[in-house]
Structure formats: C-alpha cells, structure tokens
Amino acid sequence: MKIGVIFSGSGVYDGTEIHEGVFTLLSIKKAGGEAVCFAPDVDQHHVINHITGEEMNESRNVLVESARIARGAIQSLDAFNAEELDALVLPGGFGAAKNLTKWAFSGPDGEINDLVKEAIIAMVKAGKPIAGLCMGPTVIAKALEGSGISAALTVGTTEEPSPYEIDAISQGMEKAGAVAVMKTVEEISVDTENKIVTAPCYMMEADILQIRNNIQKAIDALVKLV
C-alpha cells in the first residue's frame, strides 16, 4: 500500500508543520503502508525566523526544504502519478496556505498551485482516499472548488480553544463549496462518500501527544478507506 504525502516546506510558519509531517510518516508506517513523498519545485512565499517570527531576507525552495523531513526521499510534484498510489495525505503548517495555496493572504479566493490541484483531482477521480491535516483541508476545499463535490471537512471547532479563527476558515471552506464540520483535536471527520478524512491537529490548542494520536486516527481511517 503506497500513500502519497505532499509537503510544503519545512517549518510551521513557512512550510510543513514538522511534527505533523513526521507523525504522518510514522503513522503510515505503523499502519503497514509505504509513504511516497512529494513537494512542488517552487520558491517558498517567504522564509520566517522561527524564533522571532520575523521574515528573513532570503529565498528557499519548497522541494529542497521538504526533503529535510523526508530525509531526501522525495520527488518533485510533477512526477505525481495517481495510478501508482493508493491514498494521499496533506499535512498542515502555514506552507499549505502559503506555498500550496495562497489561502493565508486571500482566503478561499487565493490561487492553488496547479500541480497540487491536479494531484488531488486525480485521486478523487480515481476513487482513492485523501486525508487533510490541520490546514490541509483548505487545500482540498480549494482543489475541489467548482467540481460539484461538496466534501465534509474540518479544521477544528469553535467550542474549544484555538490559536486560529476556526469560524472564519470554516466559512471560507464553505465558500469554496465544502461542508465545514466541527471536530475537536480528539476527533476526526470521515466523509465516506467522497473518501476524505480530515483532522484538526495544531489548528486547536494541543500538545504533541494529542497531535500524534489525532494523526494516527486519521491515517487509520484513511487506510480503512483504501
């Protein structure tokens, strides 16, 4: 069982959330699968100093930075072939909203990377399951915009503490054509009709063990859909 993973860099504020990326790879292995990693070969929107939160005057490549998490075992997204995979996972981090889409700047009106959209659409058309973690569901919503598919997706709940505007992001997903559902970091959403699993992860106030467990639940549900 081969499961594709699309990374968006390395580091929560300008790329893939590293805990989520590593736990995704671990959960796939624990579930008996093989992770096949991809990232778009493009420049990051910007580079953030993860100590100060300030933008740095330098440029980095999304594929090269993502290779840090994948330990070099990664391919450019233009090599993506849905026929060779059984499922797909999109971990979160600001890179999902800055490098895979422009959600961080324009919400649901922002653009999505063409290759990211093509990969998601190809998996959906092939009837193969997808998982979106943290901000990953917004990428899925944007990819499916205008497709006629109203996927049930979650980025968390307004009923528990979050460092982000869950209500606004949920409304944005609905503007893109999705159905937003509320889930805690202890829960996942499983859209069985469209074979899409989503989990809040670090969109909610959570510790590293909660994130680990949330991702394992999502990957286990994904594998059941394969």
C-alpha atoms as a PDB file:
ATOM      1  CA  MET A   1       0.000   0.000   0.000  1.00  0.00           C
ATOM      2  CA  LYS A   2       1.603   3.237  -1.180  1.00  0.00           C
ATOM      3  CA  ILE A   3       0.410   6.518   0.299  1.00  0.00           C
ATOM      4  CA  GLY A   4       1.467   9.819  -1.229  1.00  0.00           C
ATOM      5  CA  VAL A   5       2.371  12.713   1.073  1.00  0.00           C
ATOM      6  CA  ILE A   6       2.546  16.287  -0.213  1.00  0.00           C
ATOM      7  CA  PHE A   7       4.859  18.523   1.819  1.00  0.00           C
ATOM      8  CA  SER A   8       5.020  22.329   1.612  1.00  0.00           C
ATOM      9  CA  GLY A   9       8.454  23.092   3.054  1.00  0.00           C
ATOM     10  CA  SER A  10       9.971  22.574   6.493  1.00  0.00           C
ATOM     11  CA  GLY A  11       8.764  24.630   9.453  1.00  0.00           C
ATOM     12  CA  VAL A  12       5.337  25.559  10.770  1.00  0.00           C
ATOM     13  CA  TYR A  13       5.384  29.265   9.867  1.00  0.00           C
ATOM     14  CA  ASP A  14       6.564  28.979   6.269  1.00  0.00           C
ATOM     15  CA  GLY A  15       6.292  25.285   5.360  1.00  0.00           C
ATOM     16  CA  THR A  16       5.088  21.930   6.640  1.00  0.00           C
ATOM     17  CA  GLU A  17       4.410  21.661  10.375  1.00  0.00           C
ATOM     18  CA  ILE A  18       7.268  19.315  11.216  1.00  0.00           C
ATOM     19  CA  HIS A  19       5.537  17.349  13.981  1.00  0.00           C
ATOM     20  CA  GLU A  20       2.610  16.731  11.645  1.00  0.00           C
ATOM     21  CA  GLY A  21       4.906  15.740   8.805  1.00  0.00           C
ATOM     22  CA  VAL A  22       6.898  13.265  10.885  1.00  0.00           C
ATOM     23  CA  PHE A  23       3.826  11.810  12.604  1.00  0.00           C
ATOM     24  CA  THR A  24       2.233  11.325   9.184  1.00  0.00           C
ATOM     25  CA  LEU A  25       5.202   9.272   8.016  1.00  0.00           C
ATOM     26  CA  LEU A  26       5.260   7.318  11.295  1.00  0.00           C
ATOM     27  CA  SER A  27       1.522   6.623  11.201  1.00  0.00           C
ATOM     28  CA  ILE A  28       1.679   5.420   7.607  1.00  0.00           C
ATOM     29  CA  LYS A  29       4.487   3.022   8.517  1.00  0.00           C
ATOM     30  CA  LYS A  30       2.638   1.837  11.632  1.00  0.00           C
ATOM     31  CA  ALA A  31      -0.450   1.162   9.507  1.00  0.00           C
ATOM     32  CA  GLY A  32       1.600  -1.046   7.202  1.00  0.00           C
ATOM     33  CA  GLY A  33       1.917   1.440   4.374  1.00  0.00           C
ATOM     34  CA  GLU A  34       4.782   2.999   2.430  1.00  0.00           C
ATOM     35  CA  ALA A  35       4.985   6.793   2.270  1.00  0.00           C
ATOM     36  CA  VAL A  36       5.849   8.308  -1.106  1.00  0.00           C
ATOM     37  CA  CYS A  37       6.784  11.964  -0.598  1.00  0.00           C
ATOM     38  CA  PHE A  38       6.258  14.857  -2.988  1.00  0.00           C
ATOM     39  CA  ALA A  39       6.554  18.642  -2.964  1.00  0.00           C
ATOM     40  CA  PRO A  40       6.226  21.337  -5.612  1.00  0.00           C
ATOM     41  CA  ASP A  41       9.563  22.507  -7.026  1.00  0.00           C
ATOM     42  CA  VAL A  42       8.882  26.217  -6.432  1.00  0.00           C
ATOM     43  CA  ASP A  43      10.201  29.016  -4.245  1.00  0.00           C
ATOM     44  CA  GLN A  44       8.605  29.451  -0.834  1.00  0.00           C
ATOM     45  CA  HIS A  45       6.420  32.517  -0.471  1.00  0.00           C
ATOM     46  CA  HIS A  46       8.904  33.731   2.149  1.00  0.00           C
ATOM     47  CA  VAL A  47      11.218  32.479   4.897  1.00  0.00           C
ATOM     48  CA  ILE A  48      10.351  33.022   8.564  1.00  0.00           C
ATOM     49  CA  ASN A  49      12.724  33.111  11.532  1.00  0.00           C
ATOM     50  CA  HIS A  50      11.035  30.586  13.812  1.00  0.00           C
ATOM     51  CA  ILE A  51      12.450  32.233  16.939  1.00  0.00           C
ATOM     52  CA  THR A  52      11.358  35.814  16.287  1.00  0.00           C
ATOM     53  CA  GLY A  53       8.530  35.226  13.830  1.00  0.00           C
ATOM     54  CA  GLU A  54      10.058  37.814  11.517  1.00  0.00           C
ATOM     55  CA  GLU A  55      10.566  37.454   7.782  1.00  0.00           C
ATOM     56  CA  MET A  56      14.137  36.779   6.679  1.00  0.00           C
ATOM     57  CA  ASN A  57      15.846  38.257   3.647  1.00  0.00           C
ATOM     58  CA  GLU A  58      16.490  35.016   1.818  1.00  0.00           C
ATOM     59  CA  SER A  59      14.849  32.559  -0.558  1.00  0.00           C
ATOM     60  CA  ARG A  60      14.294  28.829  -0.174  1.00  0.00           C
ATOM     61  CA  ASN A  61      12.854  26.112  -2.397  1.00  0.00           C
ATOM     62  CA  VAL A  62       9.807  24.147  -1.235  1.00  0.00           C
ATOM     63  CA  LEU A  63      11.050  20.813  -2.616  1.00  0.00           C
ATOM     64  CA  VAL A  64      14.546  21.228  -1.141  1.00  0.00           C
ATOM     65  CA  GLU A  65      13.184  22.245   2.269  1.00  0.00           C
ATOM     66  CA  SER A  66      10.622  19.408   2.277  1.00  0.00           C
ATOM     67  CA  ALA A  67      13.462  16.963   1.641  1.00  0.00           C
ATOM     68  CA  ARG A  68      14.671  17.734   5.180  1.00  0.00           C
ATOM     69  CA  ILE A  69      11.594  15.986   6.600  1.00  0.00           C
ATOM     70  CA  ALA A  70      11.643  13.188   4.027  1.00  0.00           C
ATOM     71  CA  ARG A  71      15.387  12.586   4.600  1.00  0.00           C
ATOM     72  CA  GLY A  72      15.954  13.153   0.899  1.00  0.00           C
ATOM     73  CA  ALA A  73      13.450  10.524  -0.250  1.00  0.00           C
ATOM     74  CA  ILE A  74      11.174  12.907  -2.120  1.00  0.00           C
ATOM     75  CA  GLN A  75      10.097  13.717  -5.666  1.00  0.00           C
ATOM     76  CA  SER A  76       9.008  16.845  -7.444  1.00  0.00           C
ATOM     77  CA  LEU A  77       5.220  17.023  -7.631  1.00  0.00           C
ATOM     78  CA  ASP A  78       5.364  16.990 -11.424  1.00  0.00           C
ATOM     79  CA  ALA A  79       6.232  13.269 -11.083  1.00  0.00           C
ATOM     80  CA  PHE A  80       2.968  12.554  -9.237  1.00  0.00           C
ATOM     81  CA  ASN A  81       1.008   9.656 -10.708  1.00  0.00           C
ATOM     82  CA  ALA A  82      -2.289   8.744  -9.036  1.00  0.00           C
ATOM     83  CA  GLU A  83      -2.221   5.317 -10.670  1.00  0.00           C
ATOM     84  CA  GLU A  84       0.832   4.395  -8.602  1.00  0.00           C
ATOM     85  CA  LEU A  85      -0.703   5.378  -5.247  1.00  0.00           C
ATOM     86  CA  ASP A  86      -3.459   4.027  -3.028  1.00  0.00           C
ATOM     87  CA  ALA A  87      -4.112   7.197  -0.990  1.00  0.00           C
ATOM     88  CA  LEU A  88      -2.864  10.739  -0.406  1.00  0.00           C
ATOM     89  CA  VAL A  89      -2.130  12.848   2.697  1.00  0.00           C
ATOM     90  CA  LEU A  90      -1.653  16.606   3.041  1.00  0.00           C
ATOM     91  CA  PRO A  91      -0.080  17.604   6.381  1.00  0.00           C
ATOM     92  CA  GLY A  92      -0.588  21.148   7.631  1.00  0.00           C
ATOM     93  CA  GLY A  93       1.552  24.113   8.531  1.00  0.00           C
ATOM     94  CA  PHE A  94       1.465  27.631   7.106  1.00  0.00           C
ATOM     95  CA  GLY A  95       3.158  26.285   3.983  1.00  0.00           C
ATOM     96  CA  ALA A  96      -0.147  24.681   2.992  1.00  0.00           C
ATOM     97  CA  ALA A  97      -1.684  28.165   2.976  1.00  0.00           C
ATOM     98  CA  LYS A  98       1.343  29.987   1.555  1.00  0.00           C
ATOM     99  CA  ASN A  99       3.087  27.592  -0.842  1.00  0.00           C
ATOM    100  CA  LEU A 100       0.399  25.097  -1.900  1.00  0.00           C
ATOM    101  CA  THR A 101      -2.321  27.755  -1.982  1.00  0.00           C
ATOM    102  CA  LYS A 102      -2.486  31.465  -1.175  1.00  0.00           C
ATOM    103  CA  TRP A 103      -5.183  30.993   1.476  1.00  0.00           C
ATOM    104  CA  ALA A 104      -3.069  32.824   4.071  1.00  0.00           C
ATOM    105  CA  PHE A 105      -3.288  36.010   2.013  1.00  0.00           C
ATOM    106  CA  SER A 106      -6.581  35.812   0.125  1.00  0.00           C
ATOM    107  CA  GLY A 107      -8.622  33.157   1.911  1.00  0.00           C
ATOM    108  CA  PRO A 108     -10.733  30.969  -0.387  1.00  0.00           C
ATOM    109  CA  ASP A 109     -10.201  33.481  -3.230  1.00  0.00           C
ATOM    110  CA  GLY A 110      -6.481  32.721  -3.283  1.00  0.00           C
ATOM    111  CA  GLU A 111      -4.892  30.638  -6.006  1.00  0.00           C
ATOM    112  CA  ILE A 112      -3.871  26.994  -5.666  1.00  0.00           C
ATOM    113  CA  ASN A 113      -0.724  25.516  -7.170  1.00  0.00           C
ATOM    114  CA  ASP A 114      -1.754  23.787 -10.406  1.00  0.00           C
ATOM    115  CA  LEU A 115       0.151  20.570  -9.680  1.00  0.00           C
ATOM    116  CA  VAL A 116      -1.356  20.322  -6.187  1.00  0.00           C
ATOM    117  CA  LYS A 117      -4.843  20.703  -7.614  1.00  0.00           C
ATOM    118  CA  GLU A 118      -4.172  18.168 -10.346  1.00  0.00           C
ATOM    119  CA  ALA A 119      -2.893  15.612  -7.812  1.00  0.00           C
ATOM    120  CA  ILE A 120      -5.963  15.938  -5.595  1.00  0.00           C
ATOM    121  CA  ILE A 121      -8.397  15.847  -8.507  1.00  0.00           C
ATOM    122  CA  ALA A 122      -6.643  12.799  -9.978  1.00  0.00           C
ATOM    123  CA  MET A 123      -7.028  10.902  -6.701  1.00  0.00           C
ATOM    124  CA  VAL A 124     -10.695  11.870  -6.368  1.00  0.00           C
ATOM    125  CA  LYS A 125     -11.457  10.826  -9.944  1.00  0.00           C
ATOM    126  CA  ALA A 126      -9.733   7.504  -9.310  1.00  0.00           C
ATOM    127  CA  GLY A 127     -11.870   6.952  -6.206  1.00  0.00           C
ATOM    128  CA  LYS A 128      -8.820   6.898  -3.951  1.00  0.00           C
ATOM    129  CA  PRO A 129      -8.956   8.335  -0.412  1.00  0.00           C
ATOM    130  CA  ILE A 130      -7.352  11.582   0.751  1.00  0.00           C
ATOM    131  CA  ALA A 131      -6.512  12.898   4.214  1.00  0.00           C
ATOM    132  CA  GLY A 132      -6.056  16.561   5.112  1.00  0.00           C
ATOM    133  CA  LEU A 133      -4.438  17.541   8.411  1.00  0.00           C
ATOM    134  CA  CYS A 134      -4.518  20.947  10.126  1.00  0.00           C
ATOM    135  CA  MET A 135      -4.715  23.455   7.205  1.00  0.00           C
ATOM    136  CA  GLY A 136      -4.628  20.606   4.687  1.00  0.00           C
ATOM    137  CA  PRO A 137      -8.445  20.585   4.401  1.00  0.00           C
ATOM    138  CA  THR A 138      -8.379  24.123   2.985  1.00  0.00           C
ATOM    139  CA  VAL A 139      -6.147  22.879   0.174  1.00  0.00           C
ATOM    140  CA  ILE A 140      -8.610  20.072  -0.540  1.00  0.00           C
ATOM    141  CA  ALA A 141     -11.524  22.525  -0.500  1.00  0.00           C
ATOM    142  CA  LYS A 142      -9.748  24.802  -2.947  1.00  0.00           C
ATOM    143  CA  ALA A 143      -8.812  21.906  -5.242  1.00  0.00           C
ATOM    144  CA  LEU A 144     -12.435  20.699  -5.367  1.00  0.00           C
ATOM    145  CA  GLU A 145     -13.895  24.171  -5.883  1.00  0.00           C
ATOM    146  CA  GLY A 146     -16.241  24.133  -8.862  1.00  0.00           C
ATOM    147  CA  SER A 147     -16.115  20.335  -9.177  1.00  0.00           C
ATOM    148  CA  GLY A 148     -19.614  19.789  -7.820  1.00  0.00           C
ATOM    149  CA  ILE A 149     -18.195  17.759  -4.923  1.00  0.00           C
ATOM    150  CA  SER A 150     -19.254  19.118  -1.533  1.00  0.00           C
ATOM    151  CA  ALA A 151     -16.806  17.366   0.763  1.00  0.00           C
ATOM    152  CA  ALA A 152     -17.311  17.395   4.532  1.00  0.00           C
ATOM    153  CA  LEU A 153     -14.114  18.861   6.007  1.00  0.00           C
ATOM    154  CA  THR A 154     -12.918  20.016   9.415  1.00  0.00           C
ATOM    155  CA  VAL A 155     -10.223  22.390  10.623  1.00  0.00           C
ATOM    156  CA  GLY A 156     -11.388  22.180  14.244  1.00  0.00           C
ATOM    157  CA  THR A 157     -14.170  23.544  16.412  1.00  0.00           C
ATOM    158  CA  THR A 158     -15.237  26.883  17.815  1.00  0.00           C
ATOM    159  CA  GLU A 159     -16.215  25.159  21.071  1.00  0.00           C
ATOM    160  CA  GLU A 160     -12.646  24.666  22.301  1.00  0.00           C
ATOM    161  CA  PRO A 161      -9.519  26.904  22.420  1.00  0.00           C
ATOM    162  CA  SER A 162      -7.707  27.550  19.159  1.00  0.00           C
ATOM    163  CA  PRO A 163      -4.929  29.966  18.160  1.00  0.00           C
ATOM    164  CA  TYR A 164      -6.695  30.490  14.830  1.00  0.00           C
ATOM    165  CA  GLU A 165     -10.013  31.772  13.515  1.00  0.00           C
ATOM    166  CA  ILE A 166     -11.764  28.440  13.087  1.00  0.00           C
ATOM    167  CA  ASP A 167     -15.106  30.030  12.228  1.00  0.00           C
ATOM    168  CA  ALA A 168     -13.639  32.241   9.502  1.00  0.00           C
ATOM    169  CA  ILE A 169     -11.623  29.414   7.969  1.00  0.00           C
ATOM    170  CA  SER A 170     -14.654  27.118   8.082  1.00  0.00           C
ATOM    171  CA  GLN A 171     -16.740  29.771   6.331  1.00  0.00           C
ATOM    172  CA  GLY A 172     -14.008  30.089   3.728  1.00  0.00           C
ATOM    173  CA  MET A 173     -14.122  26.369   3.011  1.00  0.00           C
ATOM    174  CA  GLU A 174     -17.875  26.582   2.583  1.00  0.00           C
ATOM    175  CA  LYS A 175     -17.432  29.482   0.166  1.00  0.00           C
ATOM    176  CA  ALA A 176     -15.207  27.158  -1.857  1.00  0.00           C
ATOM    177  CA  GLY A 177     -18.007  24.577  -1.900  1.00  0.00           C
ATOM    178  CA  ALA A 178     -17.177  22.320   1.043  1.00  0.00           C
ATOM    179  CA  VAL A 179     -19.316  21.491   4.068  1.00  0.00           C
ATOM    180  CA  ALA A 180     -17.484  22.540   7.244  1.00  0.00           C
ATOM    181  CA  VAL A 181     -17.910  20.301  10.278  1.00  0.00           C
ATOM    182  CA  MET A 182     -16.739  20.960  13.820  1.00  0.00           C
ATOM    183  CA  LYS A 183     -14.352  18.459  15.436  1.00  0.00           C
ATOM    184  CA  THR A 184     -12.058  18.611  18.448  1.00  0.00           C
ATOM    185  CA  VAL A 185      -8.399  17.570  18.394  1.00  0.00           C
ATOM    186  CA  GLU A 186      -9.573  14.263  19.847  1.00  0.00           C
ATOM    187  CA  GLU A 187     -11.766  13.658  16.791  1.00  0.00           C
ATOM    188  CA  ILE A 188     -11.558  13.288  13.032  1.00  0.00           C
ATOM    189  CA  SER A 189     -14.056  13.794  10.227  1.00  0.00           C
ATOM    190  CA  VAL A 190     -14.632  10.954   7.780  1.00  0.00           C
ATOM    191  CA  ASP A 191     -16.530  11.756   4.585  1.00  0.00           C
ATOM    192  CA  THR A 192     -17.209   8.193   3.465  1.00  0.00           C
ATOM    193  CA  GLU A 193     -18.998   9.219   0.265  1.00  0.00           C
ATOM    194  CA  ASN A 194     -16.035  11.195  -1.054  1.00  0.00           C
ATOM    195  CA  LYS A 195     -13.379   9.174   0.796  1.00  0.00           C
ATOM    196  CA  ILE A 196     -11.886  12.212   2.524  1.00  0.00           C
ATOM    197  CA  VAL A 197     -10.539  12.184   6.094  1.00  0.00           C
ATOM    198  CA  THR A 198      -9.692  15.416   7.910  1.00  0.00           C
ATOM    199  CA  ALA A 199      -8.229  16.131  11.354  1.00  0.00           C
ATOM    200  CA  PRO A 200      -7.724  19.444  13.234  1.00  0.00           C
ATOM    201  CA  CYS A 201      -4.248  18.758  14.680  1.00  0.00           C
ATOM    202  CA  TYR A 202      -2.465  22.021  15.559  1.00  0.00           C
ATOM    203  CA  MET A 203      -5.407  24.155  14.439  1.00  0.00           C
ATOM    204  CA  MET A 204      -6.515  23.571  18.024  1.00  0.00           C
ATOM    205  CA  GLU A 205      -4.652  24.171  21.272  1.00  0.00           C
ATOM    206  CA  ALA A 206      -2.997  20.787  21.727  1.00  0.00           C
ATOM    207  CA  ASP A 207       0.135  19.079  22.962  1.00  0.00           C
ATOM    208  CA  ILE A 208       2.401  16.865  20.936  1.00  0.00           C
ATOM    209  CA  LEU A 209       0.822  13.624  22.179  1.00  0.00           C
ATOM    210  CA  GLN A 210      -2.657  14.799  21.185  1.00  0.00           C
ATOM    211  CA  ILE A 211      -1.304  15.625  17.724  1.00  0.00           C
ATOM    212  CA  ARG A 212       0.306  12.209  17.456  1.00  0.00           C
ATOM    213  CA  ASN A 213      -2.953  10.488  18.364  1.00  0.00           C
ATOM    214  CA  ASN A 214      -5.076  12.695  16.102  1.00  0.00           C
ATOM    215  CA  ILE A 215      -2.907  11.913  13.111  1.00  0.00           C
ATOM    216  CA  GLN A 216      -2.854   8.191  13.838  1.00  0.00           C
ATOM    217  CA  LYS A 217      -6.662   8.187  13.930  1.00  0.00           C
ATOM    218  CA  ALA A 218      -6.751   9.982  10.576  1.00  0.00           C
ATOM    219  CA  ILE A 219      -4.276   7.641   8.917  1.00  0.00           C
ATOM    220  CA  ASP A 220      -6.002   4.556  10.306  1.00  0.00           C
ATOM    221  CA  ALA A 221      -9.322   5.834   8.910  1.00  0.00           C
ATOM    222  CA  LEU A 222      -7.627   6.585   5.585  1.00  0.00           C
ATOM    223  CA  VAL A 223      -6.256   3.054   5.361  1.00  0.00           C
ATOM    224  CA  LYS A 224      -9.724   1.609   6.032  1.00  0.00           C
ATOM    225  CA  LEU A 225     -10.990   3.554   3.021  1.00  0.00           C
ATOM    226  CA  VAL A 226      -8.301   2.177   0.737  1.00  0.00           C
END
